[in-house]
Amino acid sequence: MQLEPLDTHLWHATHAFKANGLPITTRMTVVRLPGRKLLIHSPIPMPPGSALLRQVQDLGSVAFIVAPNKMHHLFLAPCAQAFPGAVVYGPQGLAQKRRDLAATLRALPAGDLPEWLPELEHFAFEGIPAGNESVWFHRPSATLIVTDLLQWMAGDLPWPTRAYATLTGVRGKLAVPLTVRALVRDRAAAARSAERLLRWPFTRVVVAHNCVIDTDAHAQVARALAVF
């Protein structure tokens, strides 16, 4: 694992592991804010002494660590231990799910923090309470950052993962997977959030599973979110 640049102040790295026996990859995104403050979005393992940890440390000082939804928290605790000075944020409901983190975990604010603006904006995508996912826009690089809401599992994958991606509709294109669509409880709220997301002028999309999309990104997201 190593960091790869996406833009001047934006990097990513992927981690392969098994979720409920299914081989998948997930993606961590690192944003550098003014003052060389770093925000880590959806952390992955960074063992002590690892090249990945050193790369992150070389970029600046980790000030914020974010679990972007109630599913992407597996590596939150070791990341917080590696960067004890960072403020750790998670969605509403995560503290109840991860009581071991409750003492240090802060609820992600509904509005943007001054320390993030104007470079980084976010809001909670409504209507899917099981995930309570936040979506993010890095304005300097015109990059949309999402986690599970949108997926595209492309490339050479193990056959169980290919089958899973095909069944959930995310093998051949960017889409809201059927597993997420099944969790929608308020379609009108989800549609409002989709409309709000599409107001951001992004030209790149970074998803956790598993693509970075640089071509026709806004139109592809609009087509995917039309399910709402």
C-alpha atoms as a PDB file:
ATOM      1  CA  MET A   1       0.000   0.000   0.000  1.00  0.00           C
ATOM      2  CA  GLN A   2       1.198   3.476  -0.804  1.00  0.00           C
ATOM      3  CA  LEU A   3      -0.247   6.923  -1.320  1.00  0.00           C
ATOM      4  CA  GLU A   4      -0.793   8.056  -4.878  1.00  0.00           C
ATOM      5  CA  PRO A   5      -1.456  11.679  -5.822  1.00  0.00           C
ATOM      6  CA  LEU A   6      -4.790  12.692  -7.306  1.00  0.00           C
ATOM      7  CA  ASP A   7      -4.088  16.425  -7.276  1.00  0.00           C
ATOM      8  CA  THR A   8      -1.827  18.956  -5.570  1.00  0.00           C
ATOM      9  CA  HIS A   9      -3.405  18.524  -2.131  1.00  0.00           C
ATOM     10  CA  LEU A  10      -5.237  15.220  -2.593  1.00  0.00           C
ATOM     11  CA  TRP A  11      -3.999  11.618  -2.304  1.00  0.00           C
ATOM     12  CA  HIS A  12      -5.451   8.132  -2.036  1.00  0.00           C
ATOM     13  CA  ALA A  13      -4.440   4.589  -1.142  1.00  0.00           C
ATOM     14  CA  THR A  14      -6.284   1.278  -1.329  1.00  0.00           C
ATOM     15  CA  HIS A  15      -6.362  -1.731   0.979  1.00  0.00           C
ATOM     16  CA  ALA A  16      -7.374  -5.287   0.072  1.00  0.00           C
ATOM     17  CA  PHE A  17      -9.172  -7.356   2.704  1.00  0.00           C
ATOM     18  CA  LYS A  18     -12.230  -9.569   3.193  1.00  0.00           C
ATOM     19  CA  ALA A  19     -15.625  -8.305   4.312  1.00  0.00           C
ATOM     20  CA  ASN A  20     -17.912 -11.153   5.403  1.00  0.00           C
ATOM     21  CA  GLY A  21     -15.675 -13.480   3.422  1.00  0.00           C
ATOM     22  CA  LEU A  22     -15.819 -11.400   0.230  1.00  0.00           C
ATOM     23  CA  PRO A  23     -12.452 -10.175  -1.152  1.00  0.00           C
ATOM     24  CA  ILE A  24     -12.743  -6.428  -1.737  1.00  0.00           C
ATOM     25  CA  THR A  25     -10.662  -3.287  -1.715  1.00  0.00           C
ATOM     26  CA  THR A  26     -11.422  -0.042   0.050  1.00  0.00           C
ATOM     27  CA  ARG A  27      -9.951   3.405  -0.416  1.00  0.00           C
ATOM     28  CA  MET A  28      -8.582   6.022   1.962  1.00  0.00           C
ATOM     29  CA  THR A  29      -8.440   9.629   0.783  1.00  0.00           C
ATOM     30  CA  VAL A  30      -6.115  12.231   2.312  1.00  0.00           C
ATOM     31  CA  VAL A  31      -6.843  15.946   1.936  1.00  0.00           C
ATOM     32  CA  ARG A  32      -4.280  18.606   2.811  1.00  0.00           C
ATOM     33  CA  LEU A  33      -5.896  21.767   4.141  1.00  0.00           C
ATOM     34  CA  PRO A  34      -4.249  25.157   4.708  1.00  0.00           C
ATOM     35  CA  GLY A  35      -1.488  25.122   7.311  1.00  0.00           C
ATOM     36  CA  ARG A  36      -0.459  21.609   6.208  1.00  0.00           C
ATOM     37  CA  LYS A  37      -3.331  20.146   8.229  1.00  0.00           C
ATOM     38  CA  LEU A  38      -4.441  16.751   6.956  1.00  0.00           C
ATOM     39  CA  LEU A  39      -7.886  15.174   6.907  1.00  0.00           C
ATOM     40  CA  ILE A  40      -7.985  11.396   6.561  1.00  0.00           C
ATOM     41  CA  HIS A  41     -11.235  10.139   5.015  1.00  0.00           C
ATOM     42  CA  SER A  42     -12.104   6.459   5.607  1.00  0.00           C
ATOM     43  CA  PRO A  43      -8.772   5.300   7.064  1.00  0.00           C
ATOM     44  CA  ILE A  44      -7.104   2.024   6.130  1.00  0.00           C
ATOM     45  CA  PRO A  45      -4.395   0.181   8.123  1.00  0.00           C
ATOM     46  CA  MET A  46      -1.168   2.130   8.562  1.00  0.00           C
ATOM     47  CA  PRO A  47       1.037  -0.097  10.749  1.00  0.00           C
ATOM     48  CA  PRO A  48       3.813   1.521  12.799  1.00  0.00           C
ATOM     49  CA  GLY A  49       6.921   1.929  10.683  1.00  0.00           C
ATOM     50  CA  SER A  50       5.079   1.283   7.429  1.00  0.00           C
ATOM     51  CA  ALA A  51       5.862   3.210   4.269  1.00  0.00           C
ATOM     52  CA  LEU A  52       2.241   4.356   4.099  1.00  0.00           C
ATOM     53  CA  LEU A  53       2.382   5.841   7.591  1.00  0.00           C
ATOM     54  CA  ARG A  54       5.611   7.666   6.766  1.00  0.00           C
ATOM     55  CA  GLN A  55       4.109   9.021   3.562  1.00  0.00           C
ATOM     56  CA  VAL A  56       1.149  10.460   5.444  1.00  0.00           C
ATOM     57  CA  GLN A  57       3.408  11.973   8.100  1.00  0.00           C
ATOM     58  CA  ASP A  58       5.526  13.624   5.417  1.00  0.00           C
ATOM     59  CA  LEU A  59       2.495  15.404   3.964  1.00  0.00           C
ATOM     60  CA  GLY A  60       1.710  17.391   7.099  1.00  0.00           C
ATOM     61  CA  SER A  61       0.006  17.046  10.460  1.00  0.00           C
ATOM     62  CA  VAL A  62      -3.072  14.838  10.734  1.00  0.00           C
ATOM     63  CA  ALA A  63      -5.712  17.083  12.303  1.00  0.00           C
ATOM     64  CA  PHE A  64      -8.924  15.243  11.393  1.00  0.00           C
ATOM     65  CA  ILE A  65      -9.912  11.608  10.906  1.00  0.00           C
ATOM     66  CA  VAL A  66     -13.342  10.874   9.432  1.00  0.00           C
ATOM     67  CA  ALA A  67     -15.447   7.732   9.339  1.00  0.00           C
ATOM     68  CA  PRO A  68     -17.742   8.737   6.447  1.00  0.00           C
ATOM     69  CA  ASN A  69     -20.550   6.309   7.262  1.00  0.00           C
ATOM     70  CA  LYS A  70     -21.571   3.683   9.808  1.00  0.00           C
ATOM     71  CA  MET A  71     -19.919   0.896   7.797  1.00  0.00           C
ATOM     72  CA  HIS A  72     -16.417   2.329   7.259  1.00  0.00           C
ATOM     73  CA  HIS A  73     -15.089   2.245  10.802  1.00  0.00           C
ATOM     74  CA  LEU A  74     -12.994  -0.944  10.928  1.00  0.00           C
ATOM     75  CA  PHE A  75      -9.644   0.857  10.902  1.00  0.00           C
ATOM     76  CA  LEU A  76     -10.723   3.984  12.753  1.00  0.00           C
ATOM     77  CA  ALA A  77      -9.318   3.044  16.182  1.00  0.00           C
ATOM     78  CA  PRO A  78      -5.750   2.214  15.061  1.00  0.00           C
ATOM     79  CA  CYS A  79      -5.680   5.380  12.945  1.00  0.00           C
ATOM     80  CA  ALA A  80      -6.724   7.442  15.966  1.00  0.00           C
ATOM     81  CA  GLN A  81      -3.987   5.751  18.001  1.00  0.00           C
ATOM     82  CA  ALA A  82      -1.406   6.541  15.325  1.00  0.00           C
ATOM     83  CA  PHE A  83      -2.410  10.224  15.334  1.00  0.00           C
ATOM     84  CA  PRO A  84      -3.461  10.989  18.924  1.00  0.00           C
ATOM     85  CA  GLY A  85      -3.664  14.725  18.284  1.00  0.00           C
ATOM     86  CA  ALA A  86      -6.341  14.359  15.602  1.00  0.00           C
ATOM     87  CA  VAL A  87     -10.042  15.031  16.092  1.00  0.00           C
ATOM     88  CA  VAL A  88     -12.049  11.928  15.148  1.00  0.00           C
ATOM     89  CA  TYR A  89     -15.438  12.384  13.492  1.00  0.00           C
ATOM     90  CA  GLY A  90     -18.136   9.910  12.582  1.00  0.00           C
ATOM     91  CA  PRO A  91     -21.776   9.932  11.510  1.00  0.00           C
ATOM     92  CA  GLN A  92     -24.722  10.051  13.863  1.00  0.00           C
ATOM     93  CA  GLY A  93     -25.201   6.585  15.343  1.00  0.00           C
ATOM     94  CA  LEU A  94     -21.637   5.338  15.052  1.00  0.00           C
ATOM     95  CA  ALA A  95     -20.847   5.971  18.718  1.00  0.00           C
ATOM     96  CA  GLN A  96     -23.680   3.608  19.668  1.00  0.00           C
ATOM     97  CA  LYS A  97     -22.321   0.993  17.272  1.00  0.00           C
ATOM     98  CA  ARG A  98     -18.698   1.424  18.394  1.00  0.00           C
ATOM     99  CA  ARG A  99     -18.936   2.036  22.122  1.00  0.00           C
ATOM    100  CA  ASP A 100     -15.179   1.501  22.382  1.00  0.00           C
ATOM    101  CA  LEU A 101     -14.766   4.745  20.428  1.00  0.00           C
ATOM    102  CA  ALA A 102     -17.509   6.722  22.140  1.00  0.00           C
ATOM    103  CA  ALA A 103     -15.117   8.630  24.418  1.00  0.00           C
ATOM    104  CA  THR A 104     -13.105  10.054  21.520  1.00  0.00           C
ATOM    105  CA  LEU A 105     -15.590  10.058  18.632  1.00  0.00           C
ATOM    106  CA  ARG A 106     -17.332  13.314  17.749  1.00  0.00           C
ATOM    107  CA  ALA A 107     -20.522  13.491  15.727  1.00  0.00           C
ATOM    108  CA  LEU A 108     -19.826  14.937  12.305  1.00  0.00           C
ATOM    109  CA  PRO A 109     -21.324  18.446  12.310  1.00  0.00           C
ATOM    110  CA  ALA A 110     -24.280  19.181  10.076  1.00  0.00           C
ATOM    111  CA  GLY A 111     -22.505  22.260   8.747  1.00  0.00           C
ATOM    112  CA  ASP A 112     -18.973  22.636   7.483  1.00  0.00           C
ATOM    113  CA  LEU A 113     -16.220  23.497   9.934  1.00  0.00           C
ATOM    114  CA  PRO A 114     -14.393  26.791   9.368  1.00  0.00           C
ATOM    115  CA  GLU A 115     -11.099  24.867   9.397  1.00  0.00           C
ATOM    116  CA  TRP A 116     -12.204  23.013   6.256  1.00  0.00           C
ATOM    117  CA  LEU A 117     -13.622  25.877   4.240  1.00  0.00           C
ATOM    118  CA  PRO A 118     -13.415  26.857   1.458  1.00  0.00           C
ATOM    119  CA  GLU A 119     -11.345  23.864   0.351  1.00  0.00           C
ATOM    120  CA  LEU A 120     -13.559  21.071   1.672  1.00  0.00           C
ATOM    121  CA  GLU A 121     -17.337  20.801   2.011  1.00  0.00           C
ATOM    122  CA  HIS A 122     -19.592  17.969   3.133  1.00  0.00           C
ATOM    123  CA  PHE A 123     -23.138  17.046   4.014  1.00  0.00           C
ATOM    124  CA  ALA A 124     -25.013  13.940   5.161  1.00  0.00           C
ATOM    125  CA  PHE A 125     -26.858  12.178   2.357  1.00  0.00           C
ATOM    126  CA  GLU A 126     -30.376  11.801   3.700  1.00  0.00           C
ATOM    127  CA  GLY A 127     -32.921   9.027   3.420  1.00  0.00           C
ATOM    128  CA  ILE A 128     -30.574   6.090   4.103  1.00  0.00           C
ATOM    129  CA  PRO A 129     -30.231   5.999   7.915  1.00  0.00           C
ATOM    130  CA  ALA A 130     -28.546   2.586   8.031  1.00  0.00           C
ATOM    131  CA  GLY A 131     -25.422   4.186   6.600  1.00  0.00           C
ATOM    132  CA  ASN A 132     -25.772   7.890   7.407  1.00  0.00           C
ATOM    133  CA  GLU A 133     -23.116   8.508   4.776  1.00  0.00           C
ATOM    134  CA  SER A 134     -21.509  11.906   4.321  1.00  0.00           C
ATOM    135  CA  VAL A 135     -20.484  13.062   0.857  1.00  0.00           C
ATOM    136  CA  TRP A 136     -17.551  15.418   0.280  1.00  0.00           C
ATOM    137  CA  PHE A 137     -16.388  17.976  -2.257  1.00  0.00           C
ATOM    138  CA  HIS A 138     -12.770  19.097  -2.522  1.00  0.00           C
ATOM    139  CA  ARG A 139     -13.148  22.383  -4.326  1.00  0.00           C
ATOM    140  CA  PRO A 140      -9.508  23.055  -5.408  1.00  0.00           C
ATOM    141  CA  SER A 141      -9.387  19.776  -7.336  1.00  0.00           C
ATOM    142  CA  ALA A 142     -13.115  19.649  -8.244  1.00  0.00           C
ATOM    143  CA  THR A 143     -13.294  16.178  -6.694  1.00  0.00           C
ATOM    144  CA  LEU A 144     -16.356  14.433  -5.275  1.00  0.00           C
ATOM    145  CA  ILE A 145     -15.523  11.880  -2.563  1.00  0.00           C
ATOM    146  CA  VAL A 146     -18.094   9.183  -1.743  1.00  0.00           C
ATOM    147  CA  THR A 147     -17.903   5.892   0.082  1.00  0.00           C
ATOM    148  CA  ASP A 148     -20.651   3.283  -0.425  1.00  0.00           C
ATOM    149  CA  LEU A 149     -23.376   5.428  -1.992  1.00  0.00           C
ATOM    150  CA  LEU A 150     -21.780   5.099  -5.431  1.00  0.00           C
ATOM    151  CA  GLN A 151     -19.636   2.153  -6.525  1.00  0.00           C
ATOM    152  CA  TRP A 152     -17.976   0.777  -9.627  1.00  0.00           C
ATOM    153  CA  MET A 153     -16.052  -2.454  -9.106  1.00  0.00           C
ATOM    154  CA  ALA A 154     -13.963  -2.555 -12.250  1.00  0.00           C
ATOM    155  CA  GLY A 155     -10.815  -4.401 -13.214  1.00  0.00           C
ATOM    156  CA  ASP A 156      -9.537  -7.904 -12.561  1.00  0.00           C
ATOM    157  CA  LEU A 157     -11.412  -9.193  -9.495  1.00  0.00           C
ATOM    158  CA  PRO A 158     -11.746 -12.576  -7.773  1.00  0.00           C
ATOM    159  CA  TRP A 159     -14.780 -14.423  -9.101  1.00  0.00           C
ATOM    160  CA  PRO A 160     -16.897 -14.016  -5.916  1.00  0.00           C
ATOM    161  CA  THR A 161     -16.327 -10.260  -6.062  1.00  0.00           C
ATOM    162  CA  ARG A 162     -17.154 -10.140  -9.769  1.00  0.00           C
ATOM    163  CA  ALA A 163     -20.361 -12.020  -9.078  1.00  0.00           C
ATOM    164  CA  TYR A 164     -21.267  -9.720  -6.183  1.00  0.00           C
ATOM    165  CA  ALA A 165     -20.563  -6.605  -8.261  1.00  0.00           C
ATOM    166  CA  THR A 166     -22.666  -7.951 -11.145  1.00  0.00           C
ATOM    167  CA  LEU A 167     -25.592  -8.831  -8.879  1.00  0.00           C
ATOM    168  CA  THR A 168     -25.548  -5.427  -7.195  1.00  0.00           C
ATOM    169  CA  GLY A 169     -25.295  -3.537 -10.490  1.00  0.00           C
ATOM    170  CA  VAL A 170     -21.837  -2.001 -10.072  1.00  0.00           C
ATOM    171  CA  ARG A 171     -19.659  -4.187 -12.271  1.00  0.00           C
ATOM    172  CA  GLY A 172     -19.975  -2.379 -15.596  1.00  0.00           C
ATOM    173  CA  LYS A 173     -20.777   1.210 -14.584  1.00  0.00           C
ATOM    174  CA  LEU A 174     -20.971   3.707 -11.767  1.00  0.00           C
ATOM    175  CA  ALA A 175     -24.180   3.050  -9.854  1.00  0.00           C
ATOM    176  CA  VAL A 176     -25.932   3.087  -6.523  1.00  0.00           C
ATOM    177  CA  PRO A 177     -25.606  -0.593  -5.581  1.00  0.00           C
ATOM    178  CA  LEU A 178     -28.768  -2.599  -4.964  1.00  0.00           C
ATOM    179  CA  THR A 179     -27.547  -3.223  -1.414  1.00  0.00           C
ATOM    180  CA  VAL A 180     -27.716   0.526  -0.744  1.00  0.00           C
ATOM    181  CA  ARG A 181     -30.958   1.076  -2.649  1.00  0.00           C
ATOM    182  CA  ALA A 182     -32.599  -1.566  -0.468  1.00  0.00           C
ATOM    183  CA  LEU A 183     -31.787   0.541   2.607  1.00  0.00           C
ATOM    184  CA  VAL A 184     -33.548   3.701   1.391  1.00  0.00           C
ATOM    185  CA  ARG A 185     -36.246   4.721   3.881  1.00  0.00           C
ATOM    186  CA  ASP A 186     -37.114   8.179   2.559  1.00  0.00           C
ATOM    187  CA  ARG A 187     -36.866   8.415  -1.204  1.00  0.00           C
ATOM    188  CA  ALA A 188     -37.864  12.083  -1.309  1.00  0.00           C
ATOM    189  CA  ALA A 189     -35.066  12.980   1.124  1.00  0.00           C
ATOM    190  CA  ALA A 190     -32.588  10.942  -0.922  1.00  0.00           C
ATOM    191  CA  ALA A 191     -33.707  12.745  -4.074  1.00  0.00           C
ATOM    192  CA  ARG A 192     -33.167  16.126  -2.392  1.00  0.00           C
ATOM    193  CA  SER A 193     -29.677  15.063  -1.341  1.00  0.00           C
ATOM    194  CA  ALA A 194     -28.915  13.830  -4.851  1.00  0.00           C
ATOM    195  CA  GLU A 195     -29.974  17.196  -6.265  1.00  0.00           C
ATOM    196  CA  ARG A 196     -27.809  19.006  -3.713  1.00  0.00           C
ATOM    197  CA  LEU A 197     -24.795  16.820  -4.517  1.00  0.00           C
ATOM    198  CA  LEU A 198     -25.147  17.511  -8.226  1.00  0.00           C
ATOM    199  CA  ARG A 199     -24.878  21.264  -7.607  1.00  0.00           C
ATOM    200  CA  TRP A 200     -21.193  20.775  -6.838  1.00  0.00           C
ATOM    201  CA  PRO A 201     -19.097  21.403  -9.975  1.00  0.00           C
ATOM    202  CA  PHE A 202     -17.002  18.242  -9.705  1.00  0.00           C
ATOM    203  CA  THR A 203     -15.041  16.764 -12.591  1.00  0.00           C
ATOM    204  CA  ARG A 204     -13.606  13.771 -10.722  1.00  0.00           C
ATOM    205  CA  VAL A 205     -15.222  11.125  -8.495  1.00  0.00           C
ATOM    206  CA  VAL A 206     -13.365   9.059  -5.918  1.00  0.00           C
ATOM    207  CA  VAL A 207     -15.298   6.061  -4.590  1.00  0.00           C
ATOM    208  CA  ALA A 208     -14.250   3.546  -1.978  1.00  0.00           C
ATOM    209  CA  HIS A 209     -15.147   0.513  -4.125  1.00  0.00           C
ATOM    210  CA  ASN A 210     -13.160   0.776  -6.353  1.00  0.00           C
ATOM    211  CA  CYS A 211     -12.686   3.391  -9.123  1.00  0.00           C
ATOM    212  CA  VAL A 212     -11.445   6.904  -9.571  1.00  0.00           C
ATOM    213  CA  ILE A 213     -13.479   8.454 -12.386  1.00  0.00           C
ATOM    214  CA  ASP A 214     -11.937  11.319 -14.345  1.00  0.00           C
ATOM    215  CA  THR A 215     -14.008  11.188 -17.529  1.00  0.00           C
ATOM    216  CA  ASP A 216     -17.537  12.566 -17.807  1.00  0.00           C
ATOM    217  CA  ALA A 217     -17.748  12.294 -14.024  1.00  0.00           C
ATOM    218  CA  HIS A 218     -20.641  14.664 -13.362  1.00  0.00           C
ATOM    219  CA  ALA A 219     -22.850  13.073 -16.022  1.00  0.00           C
ATOM    220  CA  GLN A 220     -22.056   9.580 -14.748  1.00  0.00           C
ATOM    221  CA  VAL A 221     -23.038  10.540 -11.209  1.00  0.00           C
ATOM    222  CA  ALA A 222     -26.232  12.180 -12.451  1.00  0.00           C
ATOM    223  CA  ARG A 223     -27.210   8.987 -14.257  1.00  0.00           C
ATOM    224  CA  ALA A 224     -26.428   6.857 -11.203  1.00  0.00           C
ATOM    225  CA  LEU A 225     -28.409   9.066  -8.808  1.00  0.00           C
ATOM    226  CA  ALA A 226     -31.436   9.144 -11.104  1.00  0.00           C
ATOM    227  CA  VAL A 227     -32.656   6.029  -9.224  1.00  0.00           C
ATOM    228  CA  PHE A 228     -33.818   8.418  -6.497  1.00  0.00           C
END
